[in-house]
C-alpha atoms as a PDB file:
ATOM      1  CA  UNK A   1     -13.831  -0.933 -37.144  1.00  0.00           C
ATOM      2  CA  UNK A   2     -10.345   0.521 -36.949  1.00  0.00           C
ATOM      3  CA  UNK A   3      -7.382  -1.369 -35.574  1.00  0.00           C
ATOM      4  CA  UNK A   4      -7.330   0.806 -32.445  1.00  0.00           C
ATOM      5  CA  UNK A   5     -10.975  -0.008 -31.727  1.00  0.00           C
ATOM      6  CA  UNK A   6     -10.318  -3.700 -32.347  1.00  0.00           C
ATOM      7  CA  UNK A   7      -7.381  -3.703 -29.937  1.00  0.00           C
ATOM      8  CA  UNK A   8      -9.381  -1.830 -27.302  1.00  0.00           C
ATOM      9  CA  UNK A   9     -12.278  -4.263 -27.692  1.00  0.00           C
ATOM     10  CA  UNK A  10      -9.892  -7.211 -27.330  1.00  0.00           C
ATOM     11  CA  UNK A  11      -8.257  -5.737 -24.218  1.00  0.00           C
ATOM     12  CA  UNK A  12     -11.625  -4.857 -22.714  1.00  0.00           C
ATOM     13  CA  UNK A  13     -12.907  -8.383 -23.310  1.00  0.00           C
ATOM     14  CA  UNK A  14      -9.780  -9.871 -21.779  1.00  0.00           C
ATOM     15  CA  UNK A  15     -10.116  -7.633 -18.703  1.00  0.00           C
ATOM     16  CA  UNK A  16     -13.769  -8.570 -18.246  1.00  0.00           C
ATOM     17  CA  UNK A  17     -12.912 -12.258 -18.653  1.00  0.00           C
ATOM     18  CA  UNK A  18     -10.151 -11.996 -16.051  1.00  0.00           C
ATOM     19  CA  UNK A  19     -12.478 -10.316 -13.561  1.00  0.00           C
ATOM     20  CA  UNK A  20     -15.154 -12.966 -14.073  1.00  0.00           C
ATOM     21  CA  UNK A  21     -12.564 -15.732 -13.679  1.00  0.00           C
ATOM     22  CA  UNK A  22     -11.384 -14.260 -10.378  1.00  0.00           C
ATOM     23  CA  UNK A  23     -14.929 -13.963  -9.072  1.00  0.00           C
ATOM     24  CA  UNK A  24     -15.890 -17.511 -10.045  1.00  0.00           C
ATOM     25  CA  UNK A  25     -12.618 -19.269  -9.249  1.00  0.00           C
ATOM     26  CA  UNK A  26     -12.762 -21.951  -6.565  1.00  0.00           C
ATOM     27  CA  UNK A  27     -11.124 -21.442  -3.205  1.00  0.00           C
ATOM     28  CA  UNK A  28      -7.391 -21.938  -2.849  1.00  0.00           C
ATOM     29  CA  UNK A  29      -6.319 -25.529  -2.291  1.00  0.00           C
ATOM     30  CA  UNK A  30      -5.225 -24.749   1.244  1.00  0.00           C
ATOM     31  CA  UNK A  31      -8.668 -23.333   2.103  1.00  0.00           C
ATOM     32  CA  UNK A  32     -10.417 -26.301   0.519  1.00  0.00           C
ATOM     33  CA  UNK A  33      -8.277 -28.776   2.454  1.00  0.00           C
ATOM     34  CA  UNK A  34      -9.050 -26.946   5.696  1.00  0.00           C
ATOM     35  CA  UNK A  35     -12.783 -27.157   4.999  1.00  0.00           C
ATOM     36  CA  UNK A  36     -12.502 -30.879   4.257  1.00  0.00           C
ATOM     37  CA  UNK A  37     -10.521 -31.371   7.449  1.00  0.00           C
ATOM     38  CA  UNK A  38     -13.189 -29.552   9.485  1.00  0.00           C
ATOM     39  CA  UNK A  39     -15.958 -31.764   8.075  1.00  0.00           C
ATOM     40  CA  UNK A  40     -13.946 -34.903   8.838  1.00  0.00           C
ATOM     41  CA  UNK A  41     -13.334 -33.761  12.436  1.00  0.00           C
ATOM     42  CA  UNK A  42     -17.075 -33.070  12.853  1.00  0.00           C
ATOM     43  CA  UNK A  43     -17.700 -36.667  11.765  1.00  0.00           C
ATOM     44  CA  UNK A  44     -15.206 -37.945  14.330  1.00  0.00           C
ATOM     45  CA  UNK A  45     -12.441 -38.682  11.833  1.00  0.00           C
ATOM     46  CA  UNK A  46      -9.125 -37.310  13.065  1.00  0.00           C
ATOM     47  CA  UNK A  47      -6.214 -37.655  10.673  1.00  0.00           C
ATOM     48  CA  UNK A  48      -2.705 -36.327  11.010  1.00  0.00           C
ATOM     49  CA  UNK A  49      -1.330 -34.233   8.149  1.00  0.00           C
ATOM     50  CA  UNK A  50       0.350 -37.180   6.409  1.00  0.00           C
ATOM     51  CA  UNK A  51      -2.778 -39.356   6.578  1.00  0.00           C
ATOM     52  CA  UNK A  52      -4.926 -36.473   5.364  1.00  0.00           C
ATOM     53  CA  UNK A  53      -2.631 -35.809   2.396  1.00  0.00           C
ATOM     54  CA  UNK A  54      -2.718 -39.510   1.457  1.00  0.00           C
ATOM     55  CA  UNK A  55      -6.518 -39.436   1.586  1.00  0.00           C
ATOM     56  CA  UNK A  56      -6.678 -36.338  -0.627  1.00  0.00           C
ATOM     57  CA  UNK A  57      -4.213 -37.886  -3.097  1.00  0.00           C
ATOM     58  CA  UNK A  58      -6.273 -41.094  -3.266  1.00  0.00           C
ATOM     59  CA  UNK A  59      -9.484 -39.162  -3.887  1.00  0.00           C
ATOM     60  CA  UNK A  60      -7.807 -36.987  -6.502  1.00  0.00           C
ATOM     61  CA  UNK A  61      -6.372 -39.979  -8.381  1.00  0.00           C
ATOM     62  CA  UNK A  62      -9.763 -41.706  -8.368  1.00  0.00           C
ATOM     63  CA  UNK A  63     -11.408 -38.638  -9.922  1.00  0.00           C
ATOM     64  CA  UNK A  64      -8.637 -38.303 -12.499  1.00  0.00           C
ATOM     65  CA  UNK A  65      -9.066 -41.965 -13.439  1.00  0.00           C
ATOM     66  CA  UNK A  66     -12.839 -41.529 -13.746  1.00  0.00           C
ATOM     67  CA  UNK A  67     -12.398 -38.384 -15.858  1.00  0.00           C
ATOM     68  CA  UNK A  68      -9.961 -40.209 -18.146  1.00  0.00           C
ATOM     69  CA  UNK A  69     -12.369 -43.129 -18.542  1.00  0.00           C
ATOM     70  CA  UNK A  70     -15.250 -40.785 -19.368  1.00  0.00           C
ATOM     71  CA  UNK A  71     -13.108 -38.936 -21.899  1.00  0.00           C
ATOM     72  CA  UNK A  72     -12.199 -42.238 -23.563  1.00  0.00           C
ATOM     73  CA  UNK A  73     -15.872 -43.180 -23.818  1.00  0.00           C
ATOM     74  CA  UNK A  74     -16.793 -39.829 -25.362  1.00  0.00           C
ATOM     75  CA  UNK A  75     -14.080 -39.991 -28.056  1.00  0.00           C
ATOM     76  CA  UNK A  76     -15.379 -41.491 -31.298  1.00  0.00           C
ATOM     77  CA  UNK A  77     -13.580 -44.586 -32.476  1.00  0.00           C
ATOM     78  CA  UNK A  78     -11.885 -44.481 -35.866  1.00  0.00           C
END
């Protein structure tokens, strides 16, 4: 395959990958937070913006901690 064909194949693959990423990407953080807020209100939990942000931060840190622990377990010991 010539260099031109290789470059075109690379660019085409990158374009297809970008399109797929855009189609499969999760919702923006703002949209996700609004959805979470709606569910909480339906359950009778009304939080102001500061309380809501603290809740999201606590949840996020718990998941990060769990992910870090799982990664440590999966790494082989030397």
